[in-house]
C-alpha atoms as a PDB file:
ATOM      1  CA  VAL A   1     115.186  87.066  90.111  1.00  0.00           C
ATOM      2  CA  VAL A   2     111.938  89.054  89.758  1.00  0.00           C
ATOM      3  CA  ALA A   3     111.097  87.397  86.436  1.00  0.00           C
ATOM      4  CA  GLY A   4     111.507  83.974  88.034  1.00  0.00           C
ATOM      5  CA  ALA A   5     109.392  84.944  91.024  1.00  0.00           C
ATOM      6  CA  TYR A   6     106.686  86.310  88.716  1.00  0.00           C
ATOM      7  CA  ALA A   7     106.746  83.146  86.600  1.00  0.00           C
ATOM      8  CA  ALA A   8     106.416  81.073  89.789  1.00  0.00           C
ATOM      9  CA  GLY A   9     103.344  83.033  90.878  1.00  0.00           C
ATOM     10  CA  VAL A  10     104.977  85.004  93.690  1.00  0.00           C
ATOM     11  CA  PRO A  11     103.076  88.274  94.278  1.00  0.00           C
ATOM     12  CA  ILE A  12     105.051  91.270  92.988  1.00  0.00           C
ATOM     13  CA  PHE A  13     104.286  94.828  94.117  1.00  0.00           C
ATOM     14  CA  VAL A  14     105.539  98.297  93.214  1.00  0.00           C
ATOM     15  CA  GLY A  15     106.799 100.205  96.248  1.00  0.00           C
ATOM     16  CA  THR A  16     107.369 103.854  97.007  1.00  0.00           C
ATOM     17  CA  ASP A  17     109.703 103.425  99.945  1.00  0.00           C
ATOM     18  CA  ALA A  18     113.390 104.108  99.506  1.00  0.00           C
ATOM     19  CA  GLY A  19     116.613 104.261 101.417  1.00  0.00           C
ATOM     20  CA  GLY A  20     120.151 102.994 101.299  1.00  0.00           C
ATOM     21  CA  GLY A  21     120.970 104.854  98.104  1.00  0.00           C
ATOM     22  CA  ILE A  22     117.628 104.217  96.381  1.00  0.00           C
ATOM     23  CA  ASP A  23     115.944 107.394  95.156  1.00  0.00           C
ATOM     24  CA  HIS A  24     112.324 108.282  95.952  1.00  0.00           C
ATOM     25  CA  GLY A  25     109.794 108.929  93.208  1.00  0.00           C
ATOM     26  CA  LEU A  26     110.793 106.260  90.715  1.00  0.00           C
ATOM     27  CA  ALA A  27     107.619 104.149  90.748  1.00  0.00           C
ATOM     28  CA  ALA A  28     106.991 104.780  87.038  1.00  0.00           C
ATOM     29  CA  GLU A  29     110.493 103.597  86.180  1.00  0.00           C
ATOM     30  CA  GLU A  30     110.058 100.528  88.390  1.00  0.00           C
ATOM     31  CA  MET A  31     106.791  99.748  86.600  1.00  0.00           C
ATOM     32  CA  LEU A  32     108.480  99.932  83.204  1.00  0.00           C
ATOM     33  CA  LEU A  33     111.316  97.679  84.381  1.00  0.00           C
ATOM     34  CA  LEU A  34     108.831  95.080  85.620  1.00  0.00           C
ATOM     35  CA  HIS A  35     107.249  95.058  82.184  1.00  0.00           C
ATOM     36  CA  GLU A  36     110.435  95.154  80.107  1.00  0.00           C
ATOM     37  CA  GLN A  37     112.826  93.048  82.186  1.00  0.00           C
ATOM     38  CA  ALA A  38     110.592  90.767  84.252  1.00  0.00           C
ATOM     39  CA  GLY A  39     108.100  90.103  81.463  1.00  0.00           C
ATOM     40  CA  MET A  40     105.051  91.237  83.416  1.00  0.00           C
ATOM     41  CA  SER A  41     102.034  92.233  81.340  1.00  0.00           C
ATOM     42  CA  PRO A  42     100.940  95.891  81.513  1.00  0.00           C
ATOM     43  CA  VAL A  43      97.787  94.873  83.412  1.00  0.00           C
ATOM     44  CA  ASP A  44      99.820  92.876  85.963  1.00  0.00           C
ATOM     45  CA  VAL A  45     102.192  95.827  86.414  1.00  0.00           C
ATOM     46  CA  LEU A  46      99.274  98.218  86.948  1.00  0.00           C
ATOM     47  CA  ALA A  47      97.780  95.766  89.448  1.00  0.00           C
ATOM     48  CA  ALA A  48     101.116  95.520  91.290  1.00  0.00           C
ATOM     49  CA  ALA A  49     101.169  99.302  91.628  1.00  0.00           C
ATOM     50  CA  SER A  50      97.532  99.750  92.580  1.00  0.00           C
ATOM     51  CA  TRP A  51      94.644  97.414  93.382  1.00  0.00           C
ATOM     52  CA  LYS A  52      96.652  94.251  94.165  1.00  0.00           C
ATOM     53  CA  ALA A  53      98.985  96.195  96.459  1.00  0.00           C
ATOM     54  CA  ARG A  54      95.973  97.850  98.111  1.00  0.00           C
ATOM     55  CA  GLU A  55      94.346  94.449  98.705  1.00  0.00           C
ATOM     56  CA  TRP A  56      97.585  92.964 100.088  1.00  0.00           C
ATOM     57  CA  LEU A  57      97.923  95.875 102.533  1.00  0.00           C
ATOM     58  CA  GLY A  58      94.395  95.212 103.770  1.00  0.00           C
ATOM     59  CA  PHE A  59      92.753  98.356 102.427  1.00  0.00           C
ATOM     60  CA  GLY A  60      89.232  98.165 101.069  1.00  0.00           C
ATOM     61  CA  THR A  61      88.112  99.106  97.616  1.00  0.00           C
ATOM     62  CA  LEU A  62      87.304 102.597  96.436  1.00  0.00           C
ATOM     63  CA  THR A  63      83.843 103.645  97.576  1.00  0.00           C
ATOM     64  CA  GLU A  64      81.606 106.563  96.703  1.00  0.00           C
ATOM     65  CA  GLY A  65      82.328 109.401  99.118  1.00  0.00           C
ATOM     66  CA  GLY A  66      85.434 107.661 100.461  1.00  0.00           C
ATOM     67  CA  PRO A  67      88.993 108.981 100.229  1.00  0.00           C
ATOM     68  CA  ALA A  68      90.708 108.259  96.931  1.00  0.00           C
ATOM     69  CA  ASP A  69      94.245 108.470  95.607  1.00  0.00           C
ATOM     70  CA  LEU A  70      94.394 107.938  91.867  1.00  0.00           C
ATOM     71  CA  VAL A  71      95.917 109.097  88.623  1.00  0.00           C
ATOM     72  CA  ALA A  72      94.415 109.554  85.163  1.00  0.00           C
ATOM     73  CA  TYR A  73      96.158 109.374  81.811  1.00  0.00           C
ATOM     74  CA  GLU A  74      95.469 110.706  78.322  1.00  0.00           C
ATOM     75  CA  ARG A  75      96.224 107.261  76.850  1.00  0.00           C
ATOM     76  CA  ASP A  76      95.412 103.754  78.028  1.00  0.00           C
ATOM     77  CA  PRO A  77      98.333 102.402  80.134  1.00  0.00           C
ATOM     78  CA  ARG A  78      97.166  98.855  79.378  1.00  0.00           C
ATOM     79  CA  VAL A  79      98.169  99.533  75.764  1.00  0.00           C
ATOM     80  CA  ASP A  80     101.182 101.825  76.329  1.00  0.00           C
ATOM     81  CA  LEU A  81     102.635 101.455  79.826  1.00  0.00           C
ATOM     82  CA  SER A  82     105.101 104.329  79.264  1.00  0.00           C
ATOM     83  CA  VAL A  83     102.177 106.734  79.785  1.00  0.00           C
ATOM     84  CA  VAL A  84     102.598 106.204  83.560  1.00  0.00           C
ATOM     85  CA  ARG A  85     105.384 108.783  83.363  1.00  0.00           C
ATOM     86  CA  GLU A  86     102.851 111.455  82.312  1.00  0.00           C
ATOM     87  CA  PRO A  87      99.711 111.545  84.478  1.00  0.00           C
ATOM     88  CA  SER A  88      97.182 114.115  83.290  1.00  0.00           C
ATOM     89  CA  ARG A  89      95.354 114.208  86.645  1.00  0.00           C
ATOM     90  CA  ILE A  90      96.427 113.346  90.174  1.00  0.00           C
ATOM     91  CA  ILE A  91      93.862 112.969  92.948  1.00  0.00           C
ATOM     92  CA  LEU A  92      95.006 112.642  96.571  1.00  0.00           C
ATOM     93  CA  ARG A  93      92.517 111.857  99.338  1.00  0.00           C
ATOM     94  CA  GLY A  94      89.695 112.761  96.965  1.00  0.00           C
ATOM     95  CA  ARG A  95      91.077 116.178  95.982  1.00  0.00           C
ATOM     96  CA  VAL A  96      92.426 117.053  92.547  1.00  0.00           C
ATOM     97  CA  VAL A  97      96.000 118.301  92.989  1.00  0.00           C
ATOM     98  CA  ARG A  98      96.952 118.314  89.304  1.00  0.00           C
END
């Protein structure tokens, strides 16, 4: 279903909500499934989990001095999407938490 929607140009996003037997905290696994099973490119998967979702929700772009939630990786996730399981830095609301 998702692969067909993606092929048809339907916007696909990665969510963090859960309920009804769905576990929280599986965004990285969802991202890998979108790549492996739905045929989404790594860049499209990253967009679905970040800037495209942010735009769709009506949030602006990152600005200097503004609040920021982001992750950093030791390797390029555009080349190896599995790296999303291992963030080297996590920044929430502009503060480094890991």
